[in-house]
PDB file of N, CA and C in Angstrom:
ATOM      1  N   MET A   1      -0.550  45.735  22.822  1.00  0.00           N
ATOM      2  CA  MET A   1      -1.918  45.019  22.184  1.00  0.00           C
ATOM      3  C   MET A   1      -1.522  43.916  21.488  1.00  0.00           C
ATOM      4  N   TRP A   2      -2.303  42.627  21.598  1.00  0.00           N
ATOM      5  CA  TRP A   2      -1.654  41.612  21.066  1.00  0.00           C
ATOM      6  C   TRP A   2      -2.637  41.529  19.751  1.00  0.00           C
ATOM      7  N   HIS A   3      -1.950  41.062  18.637  1.00  0.00           N
ATOM      8  CA  HIS A   3      -2.664  40.880  17.472  1.00  0.00           C
ATOM      9  C   HIS A   3      -2.207  39.256  16.722  1.00  0.00           C
ATOM     10  N   PRO A   4      -3.291  38.483  16.385  1.00  0.00           N
ATOM     11  CA  PRO A   4      -2.837  37.358  15.870  1.00  0.00           C
ATOM     12  C   PRO A   4      -2.127  37.654  14.423  1.00  0.00           C
ATOM     13  N   PRO A   5      -1.338  36.567  14.037  1.00  0.00           N
ATOM     14  CA  PRO A   5      -0.923  36.902  12.615  1.00  0.00           C
ATOM     15  C   PRO A   5      -2.108  36.611  11.888  1.00  0.00           C
ATOM     16  N   PRO A   6      -1.998  37.342  10.582  1.00  0.00           N
ATOM     17  CA  PRO A   6      -3.270  37.311   9.470  1.00  0.00           C
ATOM     18  C   PRO A   6      -3.275  35.932   9.050  1.00  0.00           C
ATOM     19  N   ARG A   7      -2.674  35.190   8.861  1.00  0.00           N
ATOM     20  CA  ARG A   7      -2.680  33.770   8.343  1.00  0.00           C
ATOM     21  C   ARG A   7      -3.582  32.924   9.419  1.00  0.00           C
ATOM     22  N   ALA A   8      -3.620  33.116  10.606  1.00  0.00           N
ATOM     23  CA  ALA A   8      -4.276  32.539  11.667  1.00  0.00           C
ATOM     24  C   ALA A   8      -5.707  33.058  11.753  1.00  0.00           C
ATOM     25  N   ILE A   9      -5.797  33.953  11.032  1.00  0.00           N
ATOM     26  CA  ILE A   9      -7.301  34.556  11.217  1.00  0.00           C
ATOM     27  C   ILE A   9      -8.319  33.993   9.850  1.00  0.00           C
ATOM     28  N   TYR A  10      -9.555  33.124  10.339  1.00  0.00           N
ATOM     29  CA  TYR A  10     -10.464  32.790   9.271  1.00  0.00           C
ATOM     30  C   TYR A  10     -11.868  33.503   9.480  1.00  0.00           C
ATOM     31  N   CYS A  11     -12.121  33.974   8.543  1.00  0.00           N
ATOM     32  CA  CYS A  11     -13.593  34.734   9.018  1.00  0.00           C
ATOM     33  C   CYS A  11     -14.947  33.525   8.527  1.00  0.00           C
ATOM     34  N   PHE A  12     -14.469  32.627   7.551  1.00  0.00           N
ATOM     35  CA  PHE A  12     -15.410  31.649   7.434  1.00  0.00           C
ATOM     36  C   PHE A  12     -14.458  30.351   7.311  1.00  0.00           C
ATOM     37  N   GLN A  13     -15.330  29.339   7.056  1.00  0.00           N
ATOM     38  CA  GLN A  13     -14.610  28.030   6.572  1.00  0.00           C
ATOM     39  C   GLN A  13     -15.468  27.739   5.649  1.00  0.00           C
ATOM     40  N   ASP A  14     -15.214  27.882   4.317  1.00  0.00           N
ATOM     41  CA  ASP A  14     -15.781  27.306   3.186  1.00  0.00           C
ATOM     42  C   ASP A  14     -14.972  27.402   2.064  1.00  0.00           C
ATOM     43  N   CYS A  15     -15.169  26.282   0.898  1.00  0.00           N
ATOM     44  CA  CYS A  15     -14.357  26.123  -0.314  1.00  0.00           C
ATOM     45  C   CYS A  15     -15.530  26.428  -1.530  1.00  0.00           C
ATOM     46  N   GLU A  16     -14.800  27.056  -2.505  1.00  0.00           N
ATOM     47  CA  GLU A  16     -15.200  27.281  -3.628  1.00  0.00           C
ATOM     48  C   GLU A  16     -15.384  25.998  -4.368  1.00  0.00           C
ATOM     49  N   LEU A  17     -16.269  25.993  -5.276  1.00  0.00           N
ATOM     50  CA  LEU A  17     -16.507  24.711  -5.974  1.00  0.00           C
ATOM     51  C   LEU A  17     -15.609  24.291  -7.008  1.00  0.00           C
ATOM     52  N   TRP A  18     -14.615  25.099  -7.073  1.00  0.00           N
ATOM     53  CA  TRP A  18     -13.483  24.451  -7.957  1.00  0.00           C
ATOM     54  C   TRP A  18     -12.346  23.710  -7.290  1.00  0.00           C
ATOM     55  N   VAL A  19     -12.450  22.880  -6.369  1.00  0.00           N
ATOM     56  CA  VAL A  19     -11.478  22.545  -5.537  1.00  0.00           C
ATOM     57  C   VAL A  19     -11.182  21.062  -6.566  1.00  0.00           C
ATOM     58  N   GLY A  20      -9.734  21.112  -6.944  1.00  0.00           N
ATOM     59  CA  GLY A  20      -9.477  19.726  -7.541  1.00  0.00           C
ATOM     60  C   GLY A  20      -9.716  19.706  -9.005  1.00  0.00           C
ATOM     61  N   ASP A  21      -9.731  21.103  -9.531  1.00  0.00           N
ATOM     62  CA  ASP A  21     -10.071  21.127 -11.022  1.00  0.00           C
ATOM     63  C   ASP A  21      -9.221  21.107 -12.044  1.00  0.00           C
ATOM     64  N   GLY A  22      -7.803  21.151 -11.357  1.00  0.00           N
ATOM     65  CA  GLY A  22      -6.530  21.233 -12.275  1.00  0.00           C
ATOM     66  C   GLY A  22      -5.819  22.727 -12.076  1.00  0.00           C
ATOM     67  N   TYR A  23      -6.658  23.706 -11.570  1.00  0.00           N
ATOM     68  CA  TYR A  23      -5.896  24.935 -11.404  1.00  0.00           C
ATOM     69  C   TYR A  23      -5.828  25.240  -9.828  1.00  0.00           C
ATOM     70  N   CYS A  24      -4.795  25.942  -9.622  1.00  0.00           N
ATOM     71  CA  CYS A  24      -4.576  26.419  -8.240  1.00  0.00           C
ATOM     72  C   CYS A  24      -5.600  27.492  -7.874  1.00  0.00           C
ATOM     73  N   ASP A  25      -6.123  27.639  -7.230  1.00  0.00           N
ATOM     74  CA  ASP A  25      -7.006  28.895  -6.767  1.00  0.00           C
ATOM     75  C   ASP A  25      -6.693  29.104  -5.553  1.00  0.00           C
ATOM     76  N   PRO A  26      -6.102  30.424  -5.119  1.00  0.00           N
ATOM     77  CA  PRO A  26      -5.532  30.797  -3.874  1.00  0.00           C
ATOM     78  C   PRO A  26      -6.588  30.780  -2.739  1.00  0.00           C
ATOM     79  N   VAL A  27      -7.823  31.047  -3.018  1.00  0.00           N
ATOM     80  CA  VAL A  27      -8.856  31.028  -2.046  1.00  0.00           C
ATOM     81  C   VAL A  27      -9.254  29.435  -1.619  1.00  0.00           C
ATOM     82  N   ASN A  28      -8.666  28.676  -2.162  1.00  0.00           N
ATOM     83  CA  ASN A  28      -8.896  27.249  -1.456  1.00  0.00           C
ATOM     84  C   ASN A  28      -7.773  26.438  -1.256  1.00  0.00           C
ATOM     85  N   ASN A  29      -6.257  27.089  -1.482  1.00  0.00           N
ATOM     86  CA  ASN A  29      -5.066  26.556  -1.024  1.00  0.00           C
ATOM     87  C   ASN A  29      -4.891  26.855   0.231  1.00  0.00           C
ATOM     88  N   ASN A  30      -5.968  25.959   1.012  1.00  0.00           N
ATOM     89  CA  ASN A  30      -5.768  26.144   2.574  1.00  0.00           C
ATOM     90  C   ASN A  30      -6.127  24.519   3.049  1.00  0.00           C
ATOM     91  N   ALA A  31      -5.591  24.207   4.439  1.00  0.00           N
ATOM     92  CA  ALA A  31      -5.931  22.737   4.979  1.00  0.00           C
ATOM     93  C   ALA A  31      -7.560  22.406   4.928  1.00  0.00           C
ATOM     94  N   TYR A  32      -7.946  23.342   5.208  1.00  0.00           N
ATOM     95  CA  TYR A  32      -9.579  23.268   5.289  1.00  0.00           C
ATOM     96  C   TYR A  32     -10.198  22.877   3.936  1.00  0.00           C
ATOM     97  N   CYS A  33      -9.669  23.273   2.577  1.00  0.00           N
ATOM     98  CA  CYS A  33      -9.914  22.985   1.643  1.00  0.00           C
ATOM     99  C   CYS A  33      -9.084  21.746   0.646  1.00  0.00           C
ATOM    100  N   HIS A  34      -8.444  21.459   1.566  1.00  0.00           N
ATOM    101  CA  HIS A  34      -7.251  20.214   1.456  1.00  0.00           C
ATOM    102  C   HIS A  34      -6.212  20.768   0.235  1.00  0.00           C
ATOM    103  N   TYR A  35      -5.825  21.864   0.379  1.00  0.00           N
ATOM    104  CA  TYR A  35      -4.961  22.586  -0.488  1.00  0.00           C
ATOM    105  C   TYR A  35      -5.426  22.616  -2.044  1.00  0.00           C
ATOM    106  N   ASP A  36      -6.700  22.939  -2.154  1.00  0.00           N
ATOM    107  CA  ASP A  36      -7.335  23.135  -3.224  1.00  0.00           C
ATOM    108  C   ASP A  36      -7.448  21.545  -4.193  1.00  0.00           C
ATOM    109  N   GLY A  37      -7.548  20.689  -3.388  1.00  0.00           N
ATOM    110  CA  GLY A  37      -7.632  19.321  -3.914  1.00  0.00           C
ATOM    111  C   GLY A  37      -6.359  18.976  -4.700  1.00  0.00           C
ATOM    112  N   GLY A  38      -4.883  19.436  -4.181  1.00  0.00           N
ATOM    113  CA  GLY A  38      -3.806  19.042  -4.680  1.00  0.00           C
ATOM    114  C   GLY A  38      -3.273  19.979  -6.045  1.00  0.00           C
ATOM    115  N   ASP A  39      -4.170  20.934  -6.302  1.00  0.00           N
ATOM    116  CA  ASP A  39      -3.940  21.794  -7.604  1.00  0.00           C
ATOM    117  C   ASP A  39      -2.784  22.567  -7.516  1.00  0.00           C
ATOM    118  N   CYS A  40      -2.145  22.846  -5.961  1.00  0.00           N
ATOM    119  CA  CYS A  40      -1.001  23.905  -6.121  1.00  0.00           C
ATOM    120  C   CYS A  40       0.113  23.209  -5.905  1.00  0.00           C
ATOM    121  N   CYS A  41       0.424  22.051  -6.196  1.00  0.00           N
ATOM    122  CA  CYS A  41       1.745  21.156  -5.868  1.00  0.00           C
ATOM    123  C   CYS A  41       1.721  20.397  -6.948  1.00  0.00           C
ATOM    124  N   VAL A  42       2.885  20.541  -7.756  1.00  0.00           N
ATOM    125  CA  VAL A  42       3.208  19.505  -9.077  1.00  0.00           C
ATOM    126  C   VAL A  42       2.990  17.922  -8.711  1.00  0.00           C
ATOM    127  N   SER A  43       3.578  17.606  -7.489  1.00  0.00           N
ATOM    128  CA  SER A  43       3.292  16.041  -7.148  1.00  0.00           C
ATOM    129  C   SER A  43       2.109  15.729  -6.882  1.00  0.00           C
ATOM    130  N   THR A  44       1.050  16.468  -6.528  1.00  0.00           N
ATOM    131  CA  THR A  44      -0.380  16.303  -6.252  1.00  0.00           C
ATOM    132  C   THR A  44      -1.533  16.653  -7.250  1.00  0.00           C
ATOM    133  N   SER A  45      -1.000  17.293  -8.240  1.00  0.00           N
ATOM    134  CA  SER A  45      -1.773  17.879  -9.434  1.00  0.00           C
ATOM    135  C   SER A  45      -2.019  16.726 -10.294  1.00  0.00           C
ATOM    136  N   ALA A  46      -3.508  16.413 -10.628  1.00  0.00           N
ATOM    137  CA  ALA A  46      -3.662  15.824 -11.691  1.00  0.00           C
ATOM    138  C   ALA A  46      -3.108  15.841 -12.935  1.00  0.00           C
ATOM    139  N   PHE A  47      -2.756  17.109 -13.246  1.00  0.00           N
ATOM    140  CA  PHE A  47      -1.957  17.286 -14.522  1.00  0.00           C
ATOM    141  C   PHE A  47      -0.385  17.177 -14.603  1.00  0.00           C
ATOM    142  N   LYS A  48      -0.089  17.119 -13.118  1.00  0.00           N
ATOM    143  CA  LYS A  48       1.565  17.289 -12.915  1.00  0.00           C
ATOM    144  C   LYS A  48       1.908  18.480 -13.049  1.00  0.00           C
ATOM    145  N   GLN A  49       1.177  19.538 -13.160  1.00  0.00           N
ATOM    146  CA  GLN A  49       1.890  20.981 -13.418  1.00  0.00           C
ATOM    147  C   GLN A  49       0.906  21.744 -12.698  1.00  0.00           C
ATOM    148  N   VAL A  50       1.394  22.926 -12.279  1.00  0.00           N
ATOM    149  CA  VAL A  50       0.335  23.966 -11.755  1.00  0.00           C
ATOM    150  C   VAL A  50       0.293  24.924 -12.540  1.00  0.00           C
ATOM    151  N   ILE A  51      -1.070  25.284 -12.732  1.00  0.00           N
ATOM    152  CA  ILE A  51      -1.736  26.299 -13.510  1.00  0.00           C
ATOM    153  C   ILE A  51      -2.507  27.199 -12.561  1.00  0.00           C
ATOM    154  N   THR A  52      -2.150  28.469 -12.393  1.00  0.00           N
ATOM    155  CA  THR A  52      -2.812  29.384 -11.395  1.00  0.00           C
ATOM    156  C   THR A  52      -3.919  30.439 -11.777  1.00  0.00           C
ATOM    157  N   VAL A  53      -4.683  30.389 -11.330  1.00  0.00           N
ATOM    158  CA  VAL A  53      -5.798  31.296 -11.477  1.00  0.00           C
ATOM    159  C   VAL A  53      -5.925  32.210 -10.262  1.00  0.00           C
ATOM    160  N   PRO A  54      -5.786  33.536 -10.573  1.00  0.00           N
ATOM    161  CA  PRO A  54      -5.541  34.216 -11.585  1.00  0.00           C
ATOM    162  C   PRO A  54      -3.937  33.825 -12.156  1.00  0.00           C
ATOM    163  N   ALA A  55      -3.640  34.065 -13.326  1.00  0.00           N
ATOM    164  CA  ALA A  55      -2.224  33.672 -13.819  1.00  0.00           C
ATOM    165  C   ALA A  55      -1.231  34.546 -13.160  1.00  0.00           C
ATOM    166  N   SER A  56      -1.616  35.572 -12.470  1.00  0.00           N
ATOM    167  CA  SER A  56      -0.563  36.543 -11.968  1.00  0.00           C
ATOM    168  C   SER A  56      -0.317  36.096 -10.220  1.00  0.00           C
ATOM    169  N   CYS A  57      -1.160  34.964  -9.816  1.00  0.00           N
ATOM    170  CA  CYS A  57      -1.142  34.475  -8.553  1.00  0.00           C
ATOM    171  C   CYS A  57       0.309  33.902  -8.214  1.00  0.00           C
ATOM    172  N   ASP A  58       1.001  34.570  -7.133  1.00  0.00           N
ATOM    173  CA  ASP A  58       2.180  34.388  -6.777  1.00  0.00           C
ATOM    174  C   ASP A  58       2.583  33.007  -6.188  1.00  0.00           C
ATOM    175  N   ARG A  59       3.410  32.213  -7.010  1.00  0.00           N
ATOM    176  CA  ARG A  59       3.559  30.511  -6.648  1.00  0.00           C
ATOM    177  C   ARG A  59       4.547  30.639  -5.341  1.00  0.00           C
ATOM    178  N   LYS A  60       4.932  31.696  -4.797  1.00  0.00           N
ATOM    179  CA  LYS A  60       5.937  31.844  -3.602  1.00  0.00           C
ATOM    180  C   LYS A  60       4.944  32.160  -2.260  1.00  0.00           C
ATOM    181  N   LYS A  61       3.729  32.807  -2.736  1.00  0.00           N
ATOM    182  CA  LYS A  61       3.129  33.187  -1.568  1.00  0.00           C
ATOM    183  C   LYS A  61       1.612  32.501  -1.661  1.00  0.00           C
ATOM    184  N   GLU A  62       0.640  33.130  -2.068  1.00  0.00           N
ATOM    185  CA  GLU A  62      -0.587  32.611  -1.836  1.00  0.00           C
ATOM    186  C   GLU A  62      -1.163  31.532  -3.088  1.00  0.00           C
ATOM    187  N   CYS A  63      -0.284  31.125  -4.046  1.00  0.00           N
ATOM    188  CA  CYS A  63      -0.301  30.122  -4.846  1.00  0.00           C
ATOM    189  C   CYS A  63       0.739  29.035  -4.388  1.00  0.00           C
ATOM    190  N   ALA A  64       1.425  29.021  -3.392  1.00  0.00           N
ATOM    191  CA  ALA A  64       2.757  28.230  -2.992  1.00  0.00           C
ATOM    192  C   ALA A  64       1.910  26.753  -2.803  1.00  0.00           C
ATOM    193  N   CYS A  65       2.713  25.573  -2.943  1.00  0.00           N
ATOM    194  CA  CYS A  65       2.886  24.513  -2.717  1.00  0.00           C
ATOM    195  C   CYS A  65       2.573  24.322  -1.039  1.00  0.00           C
ATOM    196  N   ARG A  66       1.598  24.408  -0.552  1.00  0.00           N
ATOM    197  CA  ARG A  66       1.470  24.484   0.808  1.00  0.00           C
ATOM    198  C   ARG A  66       1.077  22.901   1.749  1.00  0.00           C
ATOM    199  N   ASP A  67       0.659  22.115   0.730  1.00  0.00           N
ATOM    200  CA  ASP A  67       0.205  20.637   1.218  1.00  0.00           C
ATOM    201  C   ASP A  67       1.670  20.017   2.012  1.00  0.00           C
ATOM    202  N   PRO A  68       1.296  19.695   3.132  1.00  0.00           N
ATOM    203  CA  PRO A  68       2.172  19.048   3.742  1.00  0.00           C
ATOM    204  C   PRO A  68       2.714  17.659   3.371  1.00  0.00           C
ATOM    205  N   SER A  69       1.704  17.038   2.961  1.00  0.00           N
ATOM    206  CA  SER A  69       2.089  15.802   2.209  1.00  0.00           C
ATOM    207  C   SER A  69       2.565  15.700   0.810  1.00  0.00           C
ATOM    208  N   ALA A  70       2.684  16.747   0.160  1.00  0.00           N
ATOM    209  CA  ALA A  70       3.209  16.832  -1.118  1.00  0.00           C
ATOM    210  C   ALA A  70       4.821  16.329  -1.108  1.00  0.00           C
ATOM    211  N   LYS A  71       5.234  16.064  -2.183  1.00  0.00           N
ATOM    212  CA  LYS A  71       6.654  15.606  -2.381  1.00  0.00           C
ATOM    213  C   LYS A  71       7.528  17.099  -2.158  1.00  0.00           C
ATOM    214  N   GLU A  72       7.099  17.903  -2.905  1.00  0.00           N
ATOM    215  CA  GLU A  72       7.675  19.313  -2.715  1.00  0.00           C
ATOM    216  C   GLU A  72       8.096  19.507  -1.100  1.00  0.00           C
ATOM    217  N   ASN A  73       7.358  19.172  -0.350  1.00  0.00           N
ATOM    218  CA  ASN A  73       7.427  19.651   1.157  1.00  0.00           C
ATOM    219  C   ASN A  73       8.195  18.526   2.062  1.00  0.00           C
ATOM    220  N   ALA A  74       8.625  17.742   1.624  1.00  0.00           N
ATOM    221  CA  ALA A  74       9.273  16.407   2.187  1.00  0.00           C
ATOM    222  C   ALA A  74      10.538  16.861   3.155  1.00  0.00           C
ATOM    223  N   GLN A  75      11.071  17.519   2.475  1.00  0.00           N
ATOM    224  CA  GLN A  75      12.289  18.416   3.241  1.00  0.00           C
ATOM    225  C   GLN A  75      11.869  19.165   4.354  1.00  0.00           C
ATOM    226  N   LYS A  76      10.899  19.678   4.397  1.00  0.00           N
ATOM    227  CA  LYS A  76      10.547  20.642   5.351  1.00  0.00           C
ATOM    228  C   LYS A  76      10.128  19.614   6.452  1.00  0.00           C
ATOM    229  N   ARG A  77       9.076  18.449   5.970  1.00  0.00           N
ATOM    230  CA  ARG A  77       8.905  17.603   7.130  1.00  0.00           C
ATOM    231  C   ARG A  77      10.107  17.346   7.819  1.00  0.00           C
ATOM    232  N   TRP A  78      10.981  16.660   7.095  1.00  0.00           N
ATOM    233  CA  TRP A  78      12.211  16.021   7.592  1.00  0.00           C
ATOM    234  C   TRP A  78      12.687  17.192   8.409  1.00  0.00           C
ATOM    235  N   ALA A  79      13.019  18.021   8.159  1.00  0.00           N
ATOM    236  CA  ALA A  79      13.673  19.491   9.111  1.00  0.00           C
ATOM    237  C   ALA A  79      12.875  19.450  10.370  1.00  0.00           C
ATOM    238  N   THR A  80      11.639  19.372  10.383  1.00  0.00           N
ATOM    239  CA  THR A  80      10.934  19.661  11.370  1.00  0.00           C
ATOM    240  C   THR A  80      10.770  18.615  12.485  1.00  0.00           C
ATOM    241  N   ARG A  81      11.438  17.285  12.225  1.00  0.00           N
ATOM    242  CA  ARG A  81      11.212  16.300  12.921  1.00  0.00           C
ATOM    243  C   ARG A  81      11.849  16.353  14.252  1.00  0.00           C
ATOM    244  N   PRO A  82      11.477  15.673  15.262  1.00  0.00           N
ATOM    245  CA  PRO A  82      12.724  15.656  16.419  1.00  0.00           C
ATOM    246  C   PRO A  82      13.325  14.598  16.249  1.00  0.00           C
ATOM    247  N   PRO A  83      14.490  15.262  16.959  1.00  0.00           N
ATOM    248  CA  PRO A  83      15.972  14.263  16.448  1.00  0.00           C
ATOM    249  C   PRO A  83      15.929  12.900  17.064  1.00  0.00           C
ATOM    250  N   LEU A  84      16.393  11.969  16.409  1.00  0.00           N
ATOM    251  CA  LEU A  84      16.194  10.427  16.590  1.00  0.00           C
ATOM    252  C   LEU A  84      17.133  10.155  17.994  1.00  0.00           C
ATOM    253  N   PRO A  85      16.439   9.647  18.950  1.00  0.00           N
ATOM    254  CA  PRO A  85      17.408   9.135  20.226  1.00  0.00           C
ATOM    255  C   PRO A  85      18.610   8.331  20.008  1.00  0.00           C
ATOM    256  N   PRO A  86      19.615   8.528  20.731  1.00  0.00           N
ATOM    257  CA  PRO A  86      20.960   7.831  20.662  1.00  0.00           C
ATOM    258  C   PRO A  86      20.979   6.480  20.773  1.00  0.00           C
TER     259      PRO A  86
END
């Protein structure tokens, strides 16, 4: 039996009101919510620091810097590019 990965399942597409408020909220840390308005990455946060809500939010999991355009993810973008032609 096939089961999709849990990250691929979304029950609804909605963002909480606190997108871009300076606090990394895991419920908004997704593409649909524009990665919480940049709050979960140092390079895109308005305060240039990441403050998680709740404070116990794991910065390597649900409060990780997921924004593909953030400087922190530049190495990942480069690694996934196809090789240049000879």
